[in-house]
Every structure is written in C-alpha cells, then in structure tokens.
C-alpha cells in the first residue's frame, strides 16, 4: 500500500485499515504476525484459530488489501509479515484525534 506524498495514509487507505481491524479475529491474526520478527507461516496461524482455511484466507486477504501485511510465497506455502510502517502511520493518525 503506497502512502500519499506527505508520508501519511490517504483517506481510502485509512478507511481500509479501520475496516480490516474492526473484525476481532483479524486483529488477533495481525497481533500473532507482529509478535515475530520473522515472517509467520500461514499454517501456524491456522493451527491457533478454529476457523476454516477459506475463512482464514479471507481474513488474510483483507489484511493484505489494507496494506497491513505482506505475503511472501514459497511454492504453495505462504509466510506473512507485518508492514510496521503502515501500522505506525495508522496509529500516528489515530493519535492526532
């Protein structure tokens, strides 16, 4: 997710992140991904959440669309990494309220 010229999130980007984090399960997934300095295997996330693979895939896609995570593919496997800069920009904007 690109930032605006000023280094801040656009209105659309801000809204996408807010919408993605409004779902408690997505917040938990993001928290789990962020707890590791290394990319987290998708399978590790699936093991800790009692949801179908399709539902997990949907949540991951929403987080990716919001720009909060980056997906690194290795064959049929996915590793997920937190986009800390995007999360910081979101939190900085919230802090100004």
N, C-alpha and C. Protein backbone atom coordinates (compact mmCIF):
# COMPACT_ATOMS: atom_id res chain seq x y z
N UNK A 1 0.85 -1.17 0.00
CA UNK A 1 0.00 0.00 0.00
C UNK A 1 0.89 1.23 0.00
N UNK A 2 0.71 2.07 -0.96
CA UNK A 2 1.50 3.29 -1.07
C UNK A 2 0.97 4.36 -0.13
N UNK A 3 1.87 5.23 0.28
CA UNK A 3 1.47 6.35 1.11
C UNK A 3 1.29 7.57 0.23
N UNK A 4 0.60 8.56 0.74
CA UNK A 4 0.44 9.81 -0.01
C UNK A 4 1.78 10.54 -0.03
N UNK A 5 1.85 11.64 -0.77
CA UNK A 5 3.09 12.40 -0.92
C UNK A 5 3.64 12.88 0.41
N UNK A 6 2.79 13.18 1.35
CA UNK A 6 3.23 13.70 2.65
C UNK A 6 3.71 12.59 3.58
N UNK A 7 3.68 11.35 3.16
CA UNK A 7 4.11 10.25 4.02
C UNK A 7 3.02 9.76 4.95
N UNK A 8 1.82 10.24 4.73
CA UNK A 8 0.68 9.82 5.54
C UNK A 8 -0.24 8.95 4.70
N UNK A 9 -1.13 8.25 5.37
CA UNK A 9 -2.09 7.42 4.66
C UNK A 9 -3.16 8.28 4.01
N UNK A 10 -3.63 7.84 2.86
CA UNK A 10 -4.75 8.53 2.23
C UNK A 10 -6.03 8.19 3.00
N UNK A 11 -7.09 8.93 2.72
CA UNK A 11 -8.38 8.66 3.37
C UNK A 11 -8.83 7.24 3.10
N UNK A 12 -8.67 6.80 1.86
CA UNK A 12 -9.09 5.45 1.47
C UNK A 12 -8.28 4.39 2.21
N UNK A 13 -6.97 4.59 2.30
CA UNK A 13 -6.11 3.64 2.99
C UNK A 13 -6.48 3.58 4.48
N UNK A 14 -6.70 4.75 5.07
CA UNK A 14 -7.06 4.81 6.48
C UNK A 14 -8.36 4.05 6.72
N UNK A 15 -9.34 4.25 5.85
CA UNK A 15 -10.63 3.57 5.99
C UNK A 15 -10.48 2.06 5.83
N UNK A 16 -9.66 1.61 4.89
CA UNK A 16 -9.45 0.17 4.69
C UNK A 16 -8.83 -0.47 5.93
N UNK A 17 -7.87 0.20 6.53
CA UNK A 17 -7.25 -0.35 7.73
C UNK A 17 -8.25 -0.40 8.87
N UNK A 18 -9.02 0.68 9.05
CA UNK A 18 -10.03 0.70 10.11
C UNK A 18 -11.04 -0.43 9.92
N UNK A 19 -11.47 -0.63 8.68
CA UNK A 19 -12.44 -1.69 8.39
C UNK A 19 -11.83 -3.07 8.66
N UNK A 20 -10.58 -3.26 8.27
CA UNK A 20 -9.92 -4.56 8.47
C UNK A 20 -9.77 -4.86 9.96
N UNK A 21 -9.41 -3.86 10.75
CA UNK A 21 -9.17 -4.08 12.18
C UNK A 21 -10.45 -4.09 13.00
N UNK A 22 -11.58 -3.74 12.39
CA UNK A 22 -12.86 -3.78 13.10
C UNK A 22 -13.28 -5.22 13.42
N UNK A 23 -12.76 -6.17 12.69
CA UNK A 23 -13.05 -7.59 12.92
C UNK A 23 -12.06 -8.12 13.96
N UNK A 24 -12.55 -8.55 15.14
CA UNK A 24 -11.65 -9.01 16.21
C UNK A 24 -10.70 -10.13 15.78
N UNK A 25 -11.16 -11.04 14.94
CA UNK A 25 -10.29 -12.14 14.51
C UNK A 25 -9.10 -11.59 13.71
N UNK A 26 -9.33 -10.60 12.88
CA UNK A 26 -8.23 -10.02 12.09
C UNK A 26 -7.22 -9.34 13.00
N UNK A 27 -7.70 -8.68 14.03
CA UNK A 27 -6.79 -8.06 14.99
C UNK A 27 -5.93 -9.14 15.64
N UNK A 28 -6.53 -10.26 16.03
CA UNK A 28 -5.78 -11.35 16.64
C UNK A 28 -4.73 -11.91 15.68
N UNK A 29 -5.11 -12.07 14.43
CA UNK A 29 -4.19 -12.57 13.41
C UNK A 29 -3.03 -11.59 13.24
N UNK A 30 -3.34 -10.30 13.15
CA UNK A 30 -2.30 -9.28 12.99
C UNK A 30 -1.37 -9.27 14.19
N UNK A 31 -1.93 -9.41 15.37
CA UNK A 31 -1.13 -9.46 16.59
C UNK A 31 -0.18 -10.66 16.58
N UNK A 32 -0.67 -11.79 16.12
CA UNK A 32 0.15 -13.00 16.04
C UNK A 32 1.28 -12.83 15.03
N UNK A 33 0.99 -12.23 13.90
CA UNK A 33 2.01 -11.99 12.87
C UNK A 33 3.05 -11.00 13.41
N UNK A 34 2.60 -9.96 14.08
CA UNK A 34 3.50 -8.94 14.59
C UNK A 34 4.37 -9.39 15.75
N UNK A 35 4.00 -10.47 16.41
CA UNK A 35 4.77 -10.97 17.56
C UNK A 35 6.11 -11.56 17.16
N UNK A 36 6.29 -11.82 15.88
CA UNK A 36 7.52 -12.43 15.39
C UNK A 36 8.30 -11.45 14.51
N UNK A 37 9.60 -11.45 14.68
CA UNK A 37 10.46 -10.61 13.83
C UNK A 37 10.58 -11.21 12.43
N UNK A 38 10.35 -12.49 12.32
CA UNK A 38 10.42 -13.20 11.04
C UNK A 38 9.01 -13.40 10.49
N UNK A 39 8.87 -13.56 9.17
CA UNK A 39 7.54 -13.86 8.61
C UNK A 39 6.94 -15.12 9.25
N UNK A 40 5.66 -15.08 9.50
CA UNK A 40 4.94 -16.17 10.16
C UNK A 40 4.29 -17.08 9.12
N UNK A 41 4.53 -18.40 9.22
CA UNK A 41 3.86 -19.32 8.28
C UNK A 41 2.35 -19.26 8.46
N UNK A 42 1.64 -19.27 7.37
CA UNK A 42 0.18 -19.26 7.42
C UNK A 42 -0.34 -20.47 8.20
N UNK A 43 0.34 -21.59 8.06
CA UNK A 43 -0.08 -22.81 8.75
C UNK A 43 -0.04 -22.63 10.27
N UNK A 44 0.91 -21.85 10.78
CA UNK A 44 0.99 -21.60 12.22
C UNK A 44 -0.22 -20.80 12.69
N UNK A 45 -0.68 -19.88 11.87
CA UNK A 45 -1.85 -19.09 12.22
C UNK A 45 -3.09 -19.98 12.19
N UNK A 46 -3.18 -20.82 11.18
CA UNK A 46 -4.35 -21.70 11.05
C UNK A 46 -4.46 -22.65 12.23
N UNK A 47 -3.33 -23.10 12.75
CA UNK A 47 -3.33 -24.02 13.89
C UNK A 47 -3.88 -23.38 15.16
N UNK A 48 -3.75 -22.07 15.30
CA UNK A 48 -4.17 -21.41 16.53
C UNK A 48 -5.57 -20.80 16.47
N UNK A 49 -6.20 -20.87 15.31
CA UNK A 49 -7.55 -20.32 15.16
C UNK A 49 -8.50 -21.42 14.67
N UNK A 50 -9.62 -21.53 15.33
CA UNK A 50 -10.61 -22.56 14.99
C UNK A 50 -11.53 -22.06 13.88
N UNK A 51 -10.95 -21.90 12.68
CA UNK A 51 -11.71 -21.44 11.53
C UNK A 51 -11.28 -22.25 10.31
N UNK A 52 -12.11 -22.24 9.29
CA UNK A 52 -11.78 -22.97 8.06
C UNK A 52 -10.65 -22.27 7.32
N UNK A 53 -10.01 -22.99 6.44
CA UNK A 53 -8.94 -22.42 5.62
C UNK A 53 -9.48 -21.28 4.75
N UNK A 54 -10.70 -21.44 4.26
CA UNK A 54 -11.30 -20.40 3.42
C UNK A 54 -11.54 -19.12 4.21
N UNK A 55 -12.00 -19.26 5.44
CA UNK A 55 -12.23 -18.08 6.28
C UNK A 55 -10.91 -17.40 6.62
N UNK A 56 -9.89 -18.18 6.94
CA UNK A 56 -8.57 -17.62 7.22
C UNK A 56 -8.05 -16.89 5.99
N UNK A 57 -8.21 -17.48 4.83
CA UNK A 57 -7.78 -16.87 3.59
C UNK A 57 -8.46 -15.52 3.38
N UNK A 58 -9.74 -15.45 3.68
CA UNK A 58 -10.49 -14.20 3.56
C UNK A 58 -9.91 -13.13 4.50
N UNK A 59 -9.65 -13.50 5.75
CA UNK A 59 -9.11 -12.55 6.71
C UNK A 59 -7.73 -12.06 6.27
N UNK A 60 -6.91 -12.97 5.79
CA UNK A 60 -5.57 -12.60 5.32
C UNK A 60 -5.66 -11.65 4.13
N UNK A 61 -6.58 -11.92 3.23
CA UNK A 61 -6.75 -11.06 2.06
C UNK A 61 -7.18 -9.65 2.48
N UNK A 62 -8.05 -9.54 3.46
CA UNK A 62 -8.49 -8.23 3.95
C UNK A 62 -7.32 -7.47 4.58
N UNK A 63 -6.48 -8.16 5.34
CA UNK A 63 -5.32 -7.52 5.95
C UNK A 63 -4.31 -7.09 4.89
N UNK A 64 -4.15 -7.91 3.86
CA UNK A 64 -3.24 -7.57 2.77
C UNK A 64 -3.78 -6.38 1.97
N UNK A 65 -5.05 -6.38 1.67
CA UNK A 65 -5.67 -5.28 0.92
C UNK A 65 -5.54 -3.97 1.69
N UNK A 66 -5.63 -4.04 3.00
CA UNK A 66 -5.48 -2.85 3.83
C UNK A 66 -4.02 -2.40 3.90
N UNK A 67 -3.10 -3.24 3.46
CA UNK A 67 -1.69 -2.90 3.48
C UNK A 67 -0.99 -3.22 4.79
N UNK A 68 -1.68 -3.93 5.68
CA UNK A 68 -1.12 -4.23 6.99
C UNK A 68 -0.15 -5.39 6.98
N UNK A 69 -0.28 -6.30 6.02
CA UNK A 69 0.63 -7.43 5.95
C UNK A 69 1.16 -7.59 4.52
N UNK A 70 2.29 -8.27 4.45
CA UNK A 70 2.91 -8.63 3.18
C UNK A 70 2.94 -10.15 3.12
N UNK A 71 2.57 -10.71 1.98
CA UNK A 71 2.57 -12.16 1.80
C UNK A 71 3.80 -12.54 0.99
N UNK A 72 4.58 -13.45 1.55
CA UNK A 72 5.75 -13.99 0.86
C UNK A 72 5.43 -15.44 0.52
N UNK A 73 5.42 -15.75 -0.75
CA UNK A 73 5.07 -17.11 -1.18
C UNK A 73 6.33 -17.93 -1.42
N UNK A 74 6.25 -19.19 -1.01
CA UNK A 74 7.32 -20.16 -1.25
C UNK A 74 6.62 -21.43 -1.73
N UNK A 75 6.50 -21.56 -3.04
CA UNK A 75 5.72 -22.68 -3.58
C UNK A 75 4.27 -22.51 -3.21
N UNK A 76 3.70 -23.55 -2.60
CA UNK A 76 2.30 -23.46 -2.18
C UNK A 76 2.13 -22.91 -0.76
N UNK A 77 3.23 -22.55 -0.13
CA UNK A 77 3.19 -22.05 1.24
C UNK A 77 3.25 -20.52 1.27
N UNK A 78 2.61 -19.96 2.29
CA UNK A 78 2.61 -18.50 2.47
C UNK A 78 3.21 -18.17 3.83
N UNK A 79 4.04 -17.15 3.83
CA UNK A 79 4.56 -16.58 5.06
C UNK A 79 4.06 -15.14 5.11
N UNK A 80 3.66 -14.71 6.29
CA UNK A 80 3.03 -13.40 6.46
C UNK A 80 3.90 -12.51 7.33
N UNK A 81 4.10 -11.28 6.87
CA UNK A 81 4.91 -10.33 7.61
C UNK A 81 4.12 -9.03 7.82
N UNK A 82 4.27 -8.48 9.00
CA UNK A 82 3.60 -7.23 9.35
C UNK A 82 4.29 -6.06 8.64
N UNK A 83 3.52 -5.18 8.07
CA UNK A 83 4.02 -3.94 7.47
C UNK A 83 4.00 -2.88 8.57
N UNK A 84 5.05 -2.86 9.35
CA UNK A 84 5.10 -1.99 10.54
C UNK A 84 4.98 -0.51 10.20
N UNK A 85 5.53 -0.09 9.08
CA UNK A 85 5.44 1.32 8.68
C UNK A 85 4.01 1.76 8.44
N UNK A 86 3.23 0.90 7.82
CA UNK A 86 1.81 1.20 7.56
C UNK A 86 1.05 1.26 8.88
N UNK A 87 1.32 0.30 9.75
CA UNK A 87 0.65 0.28 11.05
C UNK A 87 1.03 1.53 11.85
N UNK A 88 2.29 1.93 11.82
CA UNK A 88 2.71 3.14 12.53
C UNK A 88 2.02 4.38 11.98
N UNK A 89 1.91 4.47 10.66
CA UNK A 89 1.23 5.62 10.04
C UNK A 89 -0.23 5.68 10.49
N UNK A 90 -0.87 4.51 10.58
CA UNK A 90 -2.27 4.45 11.02
C UNK A 90 -2.38 4.90 12.48
N UNK A 91 -1.49 4.39 13.32
CA UNK A 91 -1.53 4.73 14.74
C UNK A 91 -1.19 6.21 14.97
N UNK A 92 -0.26 6.75 14.17
CA UNK A 92 0.08 8.17 14.28
C UNK A 92 -1.14 9.02 13.95
N UNK A 93 -1.87 8.62 12.95
CA UNK A 93 -3.07 9.39 12.57
C UNK A 93 -4.14 9.30 13.66
N UNK A 94 -4.30 8.11 14.23
CA UNK A 94 -5.27 7.97 15.32
C UNK A 94 -4.88 8.82 16.53
N UNK A 95 -3.60 8.90 16.77
CA UNK A 95 -3.11 9.65 17.94
C UNK A 95 -3.42 11.13 17.83
N UNK A 96 -3.66 11.62 16.62
CA UNK A 96 -3.93 13.05 16.42
C UNK A 96 -5.39 13.42 16.63
N UNK A 97 -6.23 12.43 16.91
CA UNK A 97 -7.66 12.70 17.13
C UNK A 97 -7.86 13.42 18.46
